[in-house]
């Protein structure tokens, strides 16, 4: 589809490398880290991609992405809201304290972010 050495080919290879790093890190994260830290990581990744402090996110969808039941995720979202990190209402998340969310997330977020910055921002 693309010629080796072309700009598009280079971009696609870098994107594939970032995607594989994210998938690998997420697999380990889902196995090793608590749901609170994983949810913070997921919120940060979503925040990075939508580039807005406010975005739609249904708890059913987020629970499915994290491999947990909605009943497990609800108290986690409430805890983050009470800590002043997010506001959650009717399927809408608002990031209130990104630095606090980064501190609450596992190190997996920073690892994937570093690969993303290295491979796709250059």
PDB file of N, CA and C in Angstrom:
ATOM      1  N   UNK A   1       0.834  -1.194   0.000  1.00  0.00           N
ATOM      2  CA  UNK A   1       0.000   0.000   0.000  1.00  0.00           C
ATOM      3  C   UNK A   1       0.875   1.252   0.000  1.00  0.00           C
ATOM      4  N   UNK A   2       1.924   1.235   0.812  1.00  0.00           N
ATOM      5  CA  UNK A   2       2.833   2.382   0.825  1.00  0.00           C
ATOM      6  C   UNK A   2       4.227   1.913   0.448  1.00  0.00           C
ATOM      7  N   UNK A   3       4.981   2.818  -0.094  1.00  0.00           N
ATOM      8  CA  UNK A   3       6.344   2.488  -0.501  1.00  0.00           C
ATOM      9  C   UNK A   3       7.266   2.556   0.710  1.00  0.00           C
ATOM     10  N   UNK A   4       8.104   1.539   0.908  1.00  0.00           N
ATOM     11  CA  UNK A   4       9.093   1.610   1.985  1.00  0.00           C
ATOM     12  C   UNK A   4       9.941   2.871   1.822  1.00  0.00           C
ATOM     13  N   UNK A   5      10.140   3.553   2.938  1.00  0.00           N
ATOM     14  CA  UNK A   5      10.921   4.783   2.911  1.00  0.00           C
ATOM     15  C   UNK A   5      10.092   6.038   2.718  1.00  0.00           C
ATOM     16  N   UNK A   6       8.821   5.888   2.334  1.00  0.00           N
ATOM     17  CA  UNK A   6       7.974   7.074   2.157  1.00  0.00           C
ATOM     18  C   UNK A   6       7.570   7.625   3.519  1.00  0.00           C
ATOM     19  N   UNK A   7       7.147   8.868   3.521  1.00  0.00           N
ATOM     20  CA  UNK A   7       6.718   9.506   4.766  1.00  0.00           C
ATOM     21  C   UNK A   7       5.542   8.751   5.387  1.00  0.00           C
ATOM     22  N   UNK A   8       4.568   8.383   4.570  1.00  0.00           N
ATOM     23  CA  UNK A   8       3.412   7.644   5.085  1.00  0.00           C
ATOM     24  C   UNK A   8       3.844   6.308   5.682  1.00  0.00           C
ATOM     25  N   UNK A   9       4.739   5.612   5.030  1.00  0.00           N
ATOM     26  CA  UNK A   9       5.243   4.333   5.530  1.00  0.00           C
ATOM     27  C   UNK A   9       5.909   4.521   6.894  1.00  0.00           C
ATOM     28  N   UNK A  10       6.713   5.555   7.011  1.00  0.00           N
ATOM     29  CA  UNK A  10       7.398   5.854   8.270  1.00  0.00           C
ATOM     30  C   UNK A  10       6.399   6.154   9.391  1.00  0.00           C
ATOM     31  N   UNK A  11       5.396   6.951   9.081  1.00  0.00           N
ATOM     32  CA  UNK A  11       4.376   7.298  10.078  1.00  0.00           C
ATOM     33  C   UNK A  11       3.603   6.054  10.506  1.00  0.00           C
ATOM     34  N   UNK A  12       3.234   5.216   9.556  1.00  0.00           N
ATOM     35  CA  UNK A  12       2.495   3.993   9.882  1.00  0.00           C
ATOM     36  C   UNK A  12       3.327   3.047  10.745  1.00  0.00           C
ATOM     37  N   UNK A  13       4.610   2.933  10.464  1.00  0.00           N
ATOM     38  CA  UNK A  13       5.485   2.086  11.291  1.00  0.00           C
ATOM     39  C   UNK A  13       5.588   2.626  12.713  1.00  0.00           C
ATOM     40  N   UNK A  14       5.711   3.941  12.838  1.00  0.00           N
ATOM     41  CA  UNK A  14       5.784   4.539  14.181  1.00  0.00           C
ATOM     42  C   UNK A  14       4.468   4.359  14.925  1.00  0.00           C
ATOM     43  N   UNK A  15       3.360   4.547  14.228  1.00  0.00           N
ATOM     44  CA  UNK A  15       2.059   4.341  14.856  1.00  0.00           C
ATOM     45  C   UNK A  15       1.910   2.900  15.331  1.00  0.00           C
ATOM     46  N   UNK A  16       2.325   1.952  14.505  1.00  0.00           N
ATOM     47  CA  UNK A  16       2.244   0.534  14.885  1.00  0.00           C
ATOM     48  C   UNK A  16       3.097   0.251  16.114  1.00  0.00           C
ATOM     49  N   UNK A  17       4.269   0.862  16.201  1.00  0.00           N
ATOM     50  CA  UNK A  17       5.139   0.665  17.365  1.00  0.00           C
ATOM     51  C   UNK A  17       4.489   1.211  18.630  1.00  0.00           C
ATOM     52  N   UNK A  18       3.883   2.384  18.528  1.00  0.00           N
ATOM     53  CA  UNK A  18       3.198   2.973  19.685  1.00  0.00           C
ATOM     54  C   UNK A  18       2.009   2.112  20.088  1.00  0.00           C
ATOM     55  N   UNK A  19       1.252   1.658  19.109  1.00  0.00           N
ATOM     56  CA  UNK A  19       0.085   0.825  19.392  1.00  0.00           C
ATOM     57  C   UNK A  19       0.493  -0.466  20.105  1.00  0.00           C
ATOM     58  N   UNK A  20       1.546  -1.106  19.627  1.00  0.00           N
ATOM     59  CA  UNK A  20       2.020  -2.347  20.258  1.00  0.00           C
ATOM     60  C   UNK A  20       2.524  -2.086  21.677  1.00  0.00           C
ATOM     61  N   UNK A  21       3.202  -0.976  21.885  1.00  0.00           N
ATOM     62  CA  UNK A  21       3.661  -0.626  23.234  1.00  0.00           C
ATOM     63  C   UNK A  21       2.465  -0.429  24.157  1.00  0.00           C
ATOM     64  N   UNK A  22       1.435   0.238  23.649  1.00  0.00           N
ATOM     65  CA  UNK A  22       0.242   0.482  24.458  1.00  0.00           C
ATOM     66  C   UNK A  22      -0.477  -0.822  24.785  1.00  0.00           C
ATOM     67  N   UNK A  23      -0.631  -1.693  23.815  1.00  0.00           N
ATOM     68  CA  UNK A  23      -1.302  -2.976  24.040  1.00  0.00           C
ATOM     69  C   UNK A  23      -0.524  -3.816  25.048  1.00  0.00           C
ATOM     70  N   UNK A  24       0.783  -3.881  24.883  1.00  0.00           N
ATOM     71  CA  UNK A  24       1.619  -4.664  25.802  1.00  0.00           C
ATOM     72  C   UNK A  24       1.550  -4.116  27.217  1.00  0.00           C
ATOM     73  N   UNK A  25       1.673  -2.802  27.342  1.00  0.00           N
ATOM     74  CA  UNK A  25       1.635  -2.179  28.665  1.00  0.00           C
ATOM     75  C   UNK A  25       0.265  -2.370  29.302  1.00  0.00           C
ATOM     76  N   UNK A  26      -0.796  -2.238  28.515  1.00  0.00           N
ATOM     77  CA  UNK A  26      -2.154  -2.404  29.046  1.00  0.00           C
ATOM     78  C   UNK A  26      -2.396  -3.821  29.540  1.00  0.00           C
ATOM     79  N   UNK A  27      -1.860  -4.798  28.836  1.00  0.00           N
ATOM     80  CA  UNK A  27      -2.035  -6.193  29.264  1.00  0.00           C
ATOM     81  C   UNK A  27      -1.409  -6.408  30.636  1.00  0.00           C
ATOM     82  N   UNK A  28      -0.204  -5.925  30.816  1.00  0.00           N
ATOM     83  CA  UNK A  28       0.452  -6.045  32.118  1.00  0.00           C
ATOM     84  C   UNK A  28      -0.261  -5.237  33.181  1.00  0.00           C
ATOM     85  N   UNK A  29      -0.682  -4.055  32.812  1.00  0.00           N
ATOM     86  CA  UNK A  29      -1.384  -3.171  33.746  1.00  0.00           C
ATOM     87  C   UNK A  29      -2.674  -3.818  34.238  1.00  0.00           C
ATOM     88  N   UNK A  30      -3.436  -4.379  33.313  1.00  0.00           N
ATOM     89  CA  UNK A  30      -4.703  -5.010  33.692  1.00  0.00           C
ATOM     90  C   UNK A  30      -4.491  -6.190  34.627  1.00  0.00           C
ATOM     91  N   UNK A  31      -3.359  -6.816  34.530  1.00  0.00           N
ATOM     92  CA  UNK A  31      -3.057  -7.973  35.379  1.00  0.00           C
ATOM     93  C   UNK A  31      -2.525  -7.562  36.743  1.00  0.00           C
ATOM     94  N   UNK A  32      -1.754  -6.474  36.798  1.00  0.00           N
ATOM     95  CA  UNK A  32      -1.002  -6.153  38.010  1.00  0.00           C
ATOM     96  C   UNK A  32      -1.543  -5.000  38.852  1.00  0.00           C
ATOM     97  N   UNK A  33      -2.242  -4.064  38.244  1.00  0.00           N
ATOM     98  CA  UNK A  33      -2.609  -2.853  38.979  1.00  0.00           C
ATOM     99  C   UNK A  33      -4.079  -2.816  39.379  1.00  0.00           C
ATOM    100  N   UNK A  34      -4.320  -2.108  40.470  1.00  0.00           N
ATOM    101  CA  UNK A  34      -5.684  -1.948  40.987  1.00  0.00           C
ATOM    102  C   UNK A  34      -6.529  -1.122  40.018  1.00  0.00           C
ATOM    103  N   UNK A  35      -7.830  -1.319  40.109  1.00  0.00           N
ATOM    104  CA  UNK A  35      -8.769  -0.655  39.208  1.00  0.00           C
ATOM    105  C   UNK A  35      -8.666   0.873  39.305  1.00  0.00           C
ATOM    106  N   UNK A  36      -8.424   1.417  40.497  1.00  0.00           N
ATOM    107  CA  UNK A  36      -8.336   2.870  40.654  1.00  0.00           C
ATOM    108  C   UNK A  36      -7.227   3.440  39.768  1.00  0.00           C
ATOM    109  N   UNK A  37      -6.074   2.814  39.815  1.00  0.00           N
ATOM    110  CA  UNK A  37      -4.929   3.290  39.038  1.00  0.00           C
ATOM    111  C   UNK A  37      -5.156   3.090  37.540  1.00  0.00           C
ATOM    112  N   UNK A  38      -5.763   1.975  37.183  1.00  0.00           N
ATOM    113  CA  UNK A  38      -6.053   1.700  35.775  1.00  0.00           C
ATOM    114  C   UNK A  38      -7.073   2.693  35.212  1.00  0.00           C
ATOM    115  N   UNK A  39      -8.087   3.021  36.007  1.00  0.00           N
ATOM    116  CA  UNK A  39      -9.105   3.972  35.560  1.00  0.00           C
ATOM    117  C   UNK A  39      -8.489   5.358  35.369  1.00  0.00           C
ATOM    118  N   UNK A  40      -7.629   5.762  36.277  1.00  0.00           N
ATOM    119  CA  UNK A  40      -6.941   7.049  36.122  1.00  0.00           C
ATOM    120  C   UNK A  40      -6.109   7.055  34.841  1.00  0.00           C
ATOM    121  N   UNK A  41      -5.401   5.964  34.578  1.00  0.00           N
ATOM    122  CA  UNK A  41      -4.605   5.854  33.351  1.00  0.00           C
ATOM    123  C   UNK A  41      -5.499   5.986  32.126  1.00  0.00           C
ATOM    124  N   UNK A  42      -6.623   5.307  32.154  1.00  0.00           N
ATOM    125  CA  UNK A  42      -7.532   5.321  31.020  1.00  0.00           C
ATOM    126  C   UNK A  42      -8.129   6.714  30.802  1.00  0.00           C
ATOM    127  N   UNK A  43      -8.480   7.397  31.899  1.00  0.00           N
ATOM    128  CA  UNK A  43      -9.001   8.762  31.786  1.00  0.00           C
ATOM    129  C   UNK A  43      -7.951   9.697  31.192  1.00  0.00           C
ATOM    130  N   UNK A  44      -6.708   9.550  31.624  1.00  0.00           N
ATOM    131  CA  UNK A  44      -5.628  10.387  31.093  1.00  0.00           C
ATOM    132  C   UNK A  44      -5.403  10.127  29.606  1.00  0.00           C
ATOM    133  N   UNK A  45      -5.419   8.878  29.208  1.00  0.00           N
ATOM    134  CA  UNK A  45      -5.235   8.545  27.796  1.00  0.00           C
ATOM    135  C   UNK A  45      -6.376   9.123  26.950  1.00  0.00           C
ATOM    136  N   UNK A  46      -7.585   9.045  27.467  1.00  0.00           N
ATOM    137  CA  UNK A  46      -8.732   9.614  26.756  1.00  0.00           C
ATOM    138  C   UNK A  46      -8.601  11.129  26.675  1.00  0.00           C
ATOM    139  N   UNK A  47      -8.218  11.743  27.789  1.00  0.00           N
ATOM    140  CA  UNK A  47      -8.019  13.191  27.843  1.00  0.00           C
ATOM    141  C   UNK A  47      -6.985  13.635  26.809  1.00  0.00           C
ATOM    142  N   UNK A  48      -5.908  12.883  26.681  1.00  0.00           N
ATOM    143  CA  UNK A  48      -4.871  13.198  25.690  1.00  0.00           C
ATOM    144  C   UNK A  48      -5.425  13.174  24.273  1.00  0.00           C
ATOM    145  N   UNK A  49      -6.286  12.230  23.998  1.00  0.00           N
ATOM    146  CA  UNK A  49      -6.754  12.057  22.632  1.00  0.00           C
ATOM    147  C   UNK A  49      -7.870  13.016  22.244  1.00  0.00           C
ATOM    148  N   UNK A  50      -8.764  13.320  23.166  1.00  0.00           N
ATOM    149  CA  UNK A  50      -9.862  14.231  22.826  1.00  0.00           C
ATOM    150  C   UNK A  50      -9.449  15.692  22.971  1.00  0.00           C
ATOM    151  N   UNK A  51      -8.368  15.930  23.707  1.00  0.00           N
ATOM    152  CA  UNK A  51      -7.825  17.283  23.900  1.00  0.00           C
ATOM    153  C   UNK A  51      -8.867  18.256  24.418  1.00  0.00           C
ATOM    154  N   UNK A  52      -9.656  17.771  25.344  1.00  0.00           N
ATOM    155  CA  UNK A  52     -10.668  18.590  25.996  1.00  0.00           C
ATOM    156  C   UNK A  52     -10.797  18.103  27.430  1.00  0.00           C
ATOM    157  N   UNK A  53     -11.062  19.031  28.345  1.00  0.00           N
ATOM    158  CA  UNK A  53     -11.234  18.635  29.742  1.00  0.00           C
ATOM    159  C   UNK A  53     -12.557  17.921  29.974  1.00  0.00           C
ATOM    160  N   UNK A  54     -13.452  18.003  29.012  1.00  0.00           N
ATOM    161  CA  UNK A  54     -14.774  17.393  29.161  1.00  0.00           C
ATOM    162  C   UNK A  54     -15.031  16.452  27.983  1.00  0.00           C
ATOM    163  N   UNK A  55     -15.508  15.258  28.309  1.00  0.00           N
ATOM    164  CA  UNK A  55     -15.816  14.291  27.254  1.00  0.00           C
ATOM    165  C   UNK A  55     -16.870  13.315  27.739  1.00  0.00           C
ATOM    166  N   UNK A  56     -17.546  12.702  26.785  1.00  0.00           N
ATOM    167  CA  UNK A  56     -18.571  11.704  27.091  1.00  0.00           C
ATOM    168  C   UNK A  56     -17.901  10.381  27.410  1.00  0.00           C
ATOM    169  N   UNK A  57     -18.342   9.756  28.476  1.00  0.00           N
ATOM    170  CA  UNK A  57     -17.826   8.438  28.836  1.00  0.00           C
ATOM    171  C   UNK A  57     -18.843   7.750  29.738  1.00  0.00           C
ATOM    172  N   UNK A  58     -19.538   6.803  29.186  1.00  0.00           N
ATOM    173  CA  UNK A  58     -20.499   6.018  29.961  1.00  0.00           C
ATOM    174  C   UNK A  58     -19.739   5.013  30.813  1.00  0.00           C
ATOM    175  N   UNK A  59     -20.192   4.809  32.039  1.00  0.00           N
ATOM    176  CA  UNK A  59     -19.506   3.878  32.930  1.00  0.00           C
ATOM    177  C   UNK A  59     -19.563   2.450  32.407  1.00  0.00           C
ATOM    178  N   UNK A  60     -20.626   2.083  31.725  1.00  0.00           N
ATOM    179  CA  UNK A  60     -20.700   0.736  31.142  1.00  0.00           C
ATOM    180  C   UNK A  60     -19.559   0.522  30.146  1.00  0.00           C
ATOM    181  N   UNK A  61     -19.317   1.527  29.314  1.00  0.00           N
ATOM    182  CA  UNK A  61     -18.252   1.427  28.319  1.00  0.00           C
ATOM    183  C   UNK A  61     -16.885   1.369  29.001  1.00  0.00           C
ATOM    184  N   UNK A  62     -16.656   2.278  29.953  1.00  0.00           N
ATOM    185  CA  UNK A  62     -15.365   2.309  30.657  1.00  0.00           C
ATOM    186  C   UNK A  62     -15.128   0.997  31.397  1.00  0.00           C
ATOM    187  N   UNK A  63     -16.157   0.473  32.031  1.00  0.00           N
ATOM    188  CA  UNK A  63     -16.023  -0.803  32.745  1.00  0.00           C
ATOM    189  C   UNK A  63     -15.641  -1.916  31.776  1.00  0.00           C
ATOM    190  N   UNK A  64     -16.257  -1.932  30.617  1.00  0.00           N
ATOM    191  CA  UNK A  64     -15.917  -2.929  29.606  1.00  0.00           C
ATOM    192  C   UNK A  64     -14.479  -2.802  29.140  1.00  0.00           C
ATOM    193  N   UNK A  65     -14.018  -1.582  28.949  1.00  0.00           N
ATOM    194  CA  UNK A  65     -12.633  -1.359  28.513  1.00  0.00           C
ATOM    195  C   UNK A  65     -11.632  -1.802  29.579  1.00  0.00           C
ATOM    196  N   UNK A  66     -12.034  -1.695  30.834  1.00  0.00           N
ATOM    197  CA  UNK A  66     -11.144  -2.063  31.937  1.00  0.00           C
ATOM    198  C   UNK A  66     -11.324  -3.512  32.383  1.00  0.00           C
ATOM    199  N   UNK A  67     -12.310  -4.188  31.812  1.00  0.00           N
ATOM    200  CA  UNK A  67     -12.522  -5.591  32.148  1.00  0.00           C
ATOM    201  C   UNK A  67     -13.136  -5.814  33.515  1.00  0.00           C
ATOM    202  N   UNK A  68     -13.963  -4.854  33.953  1.00  0.00           N
ATOM    203  CA  UNK A  68     -14.638  -4.982  35.249  1.00  0.00           C
ATOM    204  C   UNK A  68     -16.132  -4.733  35.050  1.00  0.00           C
ATOM    205  N   UNK A  69     -16.898  -5.014  36.088  1.00  0.00           N
ATOM    206  CA  UNK A  69     -18.330  -4.733  36.037  1.00  0.00           C
ATOM    207  C   UNK A  69     -18.571  -3.282  36.428  1.00  0.00           C
ATOM    208  N   UNK A  70     -19.668  -2.741  35.956  1.00  0.00           N
ATOM    209  CA  UNK A  70     -20.002  -1.343  36.255  1.00  0.00           C
ATOM    210  C   UNK A  70     -20.075  -1.108  37.761  1.00  0.00           C
ATOM    211  N   UNK A  71     -20.595  -2.091  38.484  1.00  0.00           N
ATOM    212  CA  UNK A  71     -20.708  -1.954  39.944  1.00  0.00           C
ATOM    213  C   UNK A  71     -19.341  -1.762  40.592  1.00  0.00           C
ATOM    214  N   UNK A  72     -18.300  -2.287  39.976  1.00  0.00           N
ATOM    215  CA  UNK A  72     -16.946  -2.127  40.492  1.00  0.00           C
ATOM    216  C   UNK A  72     -16.424  -0.726  40.203  1.00  0.00           C
ATOM    217  N   UNK A  73     -16.791  -0.179  39.065  1.00  0.00           N
ATOM    218  CA  UNK A  73     -16.260   1.113  38.637  1.00  0.00           C
ATOM    219  C   UNK A  73     -16.952   2.298  39.303  1.00  0.00           C
ATOM    220  N   UNK A  74     -18.223   2.177  39.625  1.00  0.00           N
ATOM    221  CA  UNK A  74     -18.975   3.294  40.191  1.00  0.00           C
ATOM    222  C   UNK A  74     -18.319   3.870  41.444  1.00  0.00           C
ATOM    223  N   UNK A  75     -17.956   3.060  42.452  1.00  0.00           N
ATOM    224  CA  UNK A  75     -17.317   3.653  43.631  1.00  0.00           C
ATOM    225  C   UNK A  75     -15.945   4.265  43.333  1.00  0.00           C
ATOM    226  N   UNK A  76     -15.264   3.753  42.330  1.00  0.00           N
ATOM    227  CA  UNK A  76     -13.964   4.318  41.942  1.00  0.00           C
ATOM    228  C   UNK A  76     -14.172   5.725  41.386  1.00  0.00           C
ATOM    229  N   UNK A  77     -15.151   5.887  40.504  1.00  0.00           N
ATOM    230  CA  UNK A  77     -15.452   7.208  39.939  1.00  0.00           C
ATOM    231  C   UNK A  77     -15.896   8.170  41.038  1.00  0.00           C
ATOM    232  N   UNK A  78     -16.685   7.678  41.983  1.00  0.00           N
ATOM    233  CA  UNK A  78     -17.123   8.520  43.096  1.00  0.00           C
ATOM    234  C   UNK A  78     -15.943   8.961  43.956  1.00  0.00           C
ATOM    235  N   UNK A  79     -15.009   8.052  44.184  1.00  0.00           N
ATOM    236  CA  UNK A  79     -13.818   8.379  44.973  1.00  0.00           C
ATOM    237  C   UNK A  79     -12.990   9.467  44.284  1.00  0.00           C
ATOM    238  N   UNK A  80     -12.819   9.347  42.978  1.00  0.00           N
ATOM    239  CA  UNK A  80     -12.062  10.357  42.231  1.00  0.00           C
ATOM    240  C   UNK A  80     -12.790  11.699  42.236  1.00  0.00           C
ATOM    241  N   UNK A  81     -14.110  11.644  42.187  1.00  0.00           N
ATOM    242  CA  UNK A  81     -14.899  12.876  42.231  1.00  0.00           C
ATOM    243  C   UNK A  81     -14.777  13.541  43.598  1.00  0.00           C
ATOM    244  N   UNK A  82     -14.863  12.760  44.658  1.00  0.00           N
ATOM    245  CA  UNK A  82     -14.727  13.320  46.016  1.00  0.00           C
ATOM    246  C   UNK A  82     -13.333  13.874  46.269  1.00  0.00           C
ATOM    247  N   UNK A  83     -12.335  13.322  45.593  1.00  0.00           N
ATOM    248  CA  UNK A  83     -10.960  13.814  45.727  1.00  0.00           C
ATOM    249  C   UNK A  83     -10.735  15.087  44.900  1.00  0.00           C
ATOM    250  N   UNK A  84     -11.731  15.473  44.106  1.00  0.00           N
ATOM    251  CA  UNK A  84     -11.623  16.684  43.298  1.00  0.00           C
ATOM    252  C   UNK A  84     -10.833  16.507  42.015  1.00  0.00           C
ATOM    253  N   UNK A  85     -10.648  15.252  41.588  1.00  0.00           N
ATOM    254  CA  UNK A  85      -9.882  14.991  40.371  1.00  0.00           C
ATOM    255  C   UNK A  85     -10.746  15.059  39.119  1.00  0.00           C
ATOM    256  N   UNK A  86     -11.988  14.602  39.244  1.00  0.00           N
ATOM    257  CA  UNK A  86     -12.921  14.602  38.113  1.00  0.00           C
ATOM    258  C   UNK A  86     -14.297  15.031  38.596  1.00  0.00           C
ATOM    259  N   UNK A  87     -15.136  15.359  37.644  1.00  0.00           N
ATOM    260  CA  UNK A  87     -16.570  15.516  37.915  1.00  0.00           C
ATOM    261  C   UNK A  87     -17.250  14.553  36.954  1.00  0.00           C
ATOM    262  N   UNK A  88     -18.179  13.793  37.471  1.00  0.00           N
ATOM    263  CA  UNK A  88     -18.882  12.815  36.653  1.00  0.00           C
ATOM    264  C   UNK A  88     -20.376  13.047  36.794  1.00  0.00           C
ATOM    265  N   UNK A  89     -21.059  13.212  35.670  1.00  0.00           N
ATOM    266  CA  UNK A  89     -22.498  13.400  35.705  1.00  0.00           C
ATOM    267  C   UNK A  89     -23.107  12.967  34.380  1.00  0.00           C
ATOM    268  N   UNK A  90     -24.017  12.031  34.448  1.00  0.00           N
ATOM    269  CA  UNK A  90     -24.798  11.592  33.286  1.00  0.00           C
ATOM    270  C   UNK A  90     -23.938  11.265  32.065  1.00  0.00           C
ATOM    271  N   UNK A  91     -22.927  10.457  32.288  1.00  0.00           N
ATOM    272  CA  UNK A  91     -22.097  10.006  31.178  1.00  0.00           C
ATOM    273  C   UNK A  91     -21.099  11.025  30.673  1.00  0.00           C
ATOM    274  N   UNK A  92     -20.897  12.078  31.436  1.00  0.00           N
ATOM    275  CA  UNK A  92     -19.958  13.130  31.034  1.00  0.00           C
ATOM    276  C   UNK A  92     -18.896  13.275  32.116  1.00  0.00           C
ATOM    277  N   UNK A  93     -17.642  13.189  31.700  1.00  0.00           N
ATOM    278  CA  UNK A  93     -16.505  13.331  32.610  1.00  0.00           C
ATOM    279  C   UNK A  93     -15.878  14.698  32.375  1.00  0.00           C
ATOM    280  N   UNK A  94     -15.531  15.377  33.452  1.00  0.00           N
ATOM    281  CA  UNK A  94     -14.744  16.600  33.370  1.00  0.00           C
ATOM    282  C   UNK A  94     -13.488  16.386  34.189  1.00  0.00           C
ATOM    283  N   UNK A  95     -12.334  16.580  33.572  1.00  0.00           N
ATOM    284  CA  UNK A  95     -11.064  16.480  34.281  1.00  0.00           C
ATOM    285  C   UNK A  95     -10.859  17.800  35.010  1.00  0.00           C
ATOM    286  N   UNK A  96     -10.795  17.741  36.330  1.00  0.00           N
ATOM    287  CA  UNK A  96     -10.623  18.939  37.148  1.00  0.00           C
ATOM    288  C   UNK A  96      -9.172  19.141  37.577  1.00  0.00           C
ATOM    289  N   UNK A  97      -8.461  18.051  37.813  1.00  0.00           N
ATOM    290  CA  UNK A  97      -7.087  18.121  38.316  1.00  0.00           C
ATOM    291  C   UNK A  97      -6.239  17.071  37.606  1.00  0.00           C
ATOM    292  N   UNK A  98      -5.690  17.457  36.476  1.00  0.00           N
ATOM    293  CA  UNK A  98      -4.904  16.506  35.680  1.00  0.00           C
ATOM    294  C   UNK A  98      -3.667  16.026  36.437  1.00  0.00           C
ATOM    295  N   UNK A  99      -2.966  16.926  37.088  1.00  0.00           N
ATOM    296  CA  UNK A  99      -1.764  16.521  37.837  1.00  0.00           C
ATOM    297  C   UNK A  99      -2.113  15.535  38.946  1.00  0.00           C
ATOM    298  N   UNK A 100      -3.218  15.770  39.609  1.00  0.00           N
ATOM    299  CA  UNK A 100      -3.666  14.837  40.640  1.00  0.00           C
ATOM    300  C   UNK A 100      -4.018  13.482  40.050  1.00  0.00           C
ATOM    301  N   UNK A 101      -4.628  13.499  38.884  1.00  0.00           N
ATOM    302  CA  UNK A 101      -4.978  12.260  38.186  1.00  0.00           C
ATOM    303  C   UNK A 101      -3.712  11.515  37.763  1.00  0.00           C
ATOM    304  N   UNK A 102      -2.708  12.249  37.298  1.00  0.00           N
ATOM    305  CA  UNK A 102      -1.431  11.624  36.935  1.00  0.00           C
ATOM    306  C   UNK A 102      -0.776  10.991  38.159  1.00  0.00           C
ATOM    307  N   UNK A 103      -0.861  11.666  39.298  1.00  0.00           N
ATOM    308  CA  UNK A 103      -0.279  11.118  40.531  1.00  0.00           C
ATOM    309  C   UNK A 103      -1.027   9.871  40.990  1.00  0.00           C
ATOM    310  N   UNK A 104      -2.326   9.812  40.716  1.00  0.00           N
ATOM    311  CA  UNK A 104      -3.139   8.673  41.143  1.00  0.00           C
ATOM    312  C   UNK A 104      -3.044   7.488  40.179  1.00  0.00           C
ATOM    313  N   UNK A 105      -2.578   7.736  38.960  1.00  0.00           N
ATOM    314  CA  UNK A 105      -2.473   6.674  37.949  1.00  0.00           C
ATOM    315  C   UNK A 105      -1.225   5.832  38.199  1.00  0.00           C
ATOM    316  N   UNK A 106      -1.229   4.641  37.652  1.00  0.00           N
ATOM    317  CA  UNK A 106      -0.036   3.793  37.718  1.00  0.00           C
ATOM    318  C   UNK A 106       1.021   4.326  36.753  1.00  0.00           C
ATOM    319  N   UNK A 107       2.217   3.813  36.880  1.00  0.00           N
ATOM    320  CA  UNK A 107       3.330   4.267  36.035  1.00  0.00           C
ATOM    321  C   UNK A 107       3.144   3.893  34.568  1.00  0.00           C
ATOM    322  N   UNK A 108       2.200   3.044  34.285  1.00  0.00           N
ATOM    323  CA  UNK A 108       1.954   2.620  32.900  1.00  0.00           C
ATOM    324  C   UNK A 108       1.594   3.807  32.008  1.00  0.00           C
ATOM    325  N   UNK A 109       0.874   4.770  32.555  1.00  0.00           N
ATOM    326  CA  UNK A 109       0.504   5.933  31.747  1.00  0.00           C
ATOM    327  C   UNK A 109       1.752   6.657  31.253  1.00  0.00           C
ATOM    328  N   UNK A 110       2.689   6.934  32.156  1.00  0.00           N
ATOM    329  CA  UNK A 110       3.899   7.671  31.768  1.00  0.00           C
ATOM    330  C   UNK A 110       4.754   6.872  30.786  1.00  0.00           C
ATOM    331  N   UNK A 111       4.787   5.569  30.951  1.00  0.00           N
ATOM    332  CA  UNK A 111       5.577   4.734  30.036  1.00  0.00           C
ATOM    333  C   UNK A 111       5.035   4.796  28.610  1.00  0.00           C
ATOM    334  N   UNK A 112       3.731   4.639  28.470  1.00  0.00           N
ATOM    335  CA  UNK A 112       3.130   4.689  27.135  1.00  0.00           C
ATOM    336  C   UNK A 112       3.223   6.107  26.576  1.00  0.00           C
ATOM    337  N   UNK A 113       3.040   7.084  27.424  1.00  0.00           N
ATOM    338  CA  UNK A 113       3.136   8.489  26.986  1.00  0.00           C
ATOM    339  C   UNK A 113       4.538   8.797  26.463  1.00  0.00           C
ATOM    340  N   UNK A 114       5.557   8.276  27.129  1.00  0.00           N
ATOM    341  CA  UNK A 114       6.938   8.502  26.695  1.00  0.00           C
ATOM    342  C   UNK A 114       7.184   7.896  25.314  1.00  0.00           C
ATOM    343  N   UNK A 115       6.662   6.696  25.079  1.00  0.00           N
ATOM    344  CA  UNK A 115       6.812   6.063  23.762  1.00  0.00           C
ATOM    345  C   UNK A 115       6.068   6.882  22.710  1.00  0.00           C
ATOM    346  N   UNK A 116       4.869   7.315  23.043  1.00  0.00           N
ATOM    347  CA  UNK A 116       4.075   8.137  22.122  1.00  0.00           C
ATOM    348  C   UNK A 116       4.833   9.408  21.754  1.00  0.00           C
ATOM    349  N   UNK A 117       5.342  10.099  22.771  1.00  0.00           N
ATOM    350  CA  UNK A 117       6.068  11.345  22.522  1.00  0.00           C
ATOM    351  C   UNK A 117       7.307  11.111  21.667  1.00  0.00           C
ATOM    352  N   UNK A 118       8.023  10.052  21.942  1.00  0.00           N
ATOM    353  CA  UNK A 118       9.242   9.741  21.196  1.00  0.00           C
ATOM    354  C   UNK A 118       8.948   9.389  19.737  1.00  0.00           C
ATOM    355  N   UNK A 119       7.934   8.573  19.531  1.00  0.00           N
ATOM    356  CA  UNK A 119       7.686   8.031  18.193  1.00  0.00           C
ATOM    357  C   UNK A 119       6.792   8.907  17.308  1.00  0.00           C
ATOM    358  N   UNK A 120       5.832   9.589  17.906  1.00  0.00           N
ATOM    359  CA  UNK A 120       4.852  10.295  17.077  1.00  0.00           C
ATOM    360  C   UNK A 120       4.949  11.811  17.127  1.00  0.00           C
ATOM    361  N   UNK A 121       5.611  12.336  18.106  1.00  0.00           N
ATOM    362  CA  UNK A 121       5.701  13.795  18.180  1.00  0.00           C
ATOM    363  C   UNK A 121       6.946  14.338  17.502  1.00  0.00           C
ATOM    364  N   UNK A 122       7.823  13.444  17.089  1.00  0.00           N
ATOM    365  CA  UNK A 122       9.069  13.903  16.448  1.00  0.00           C
ATOM    366  C   UNK A 122       8.879  14.123  14.962  1.00  0.00           C
TER     367      UNK A 122
END
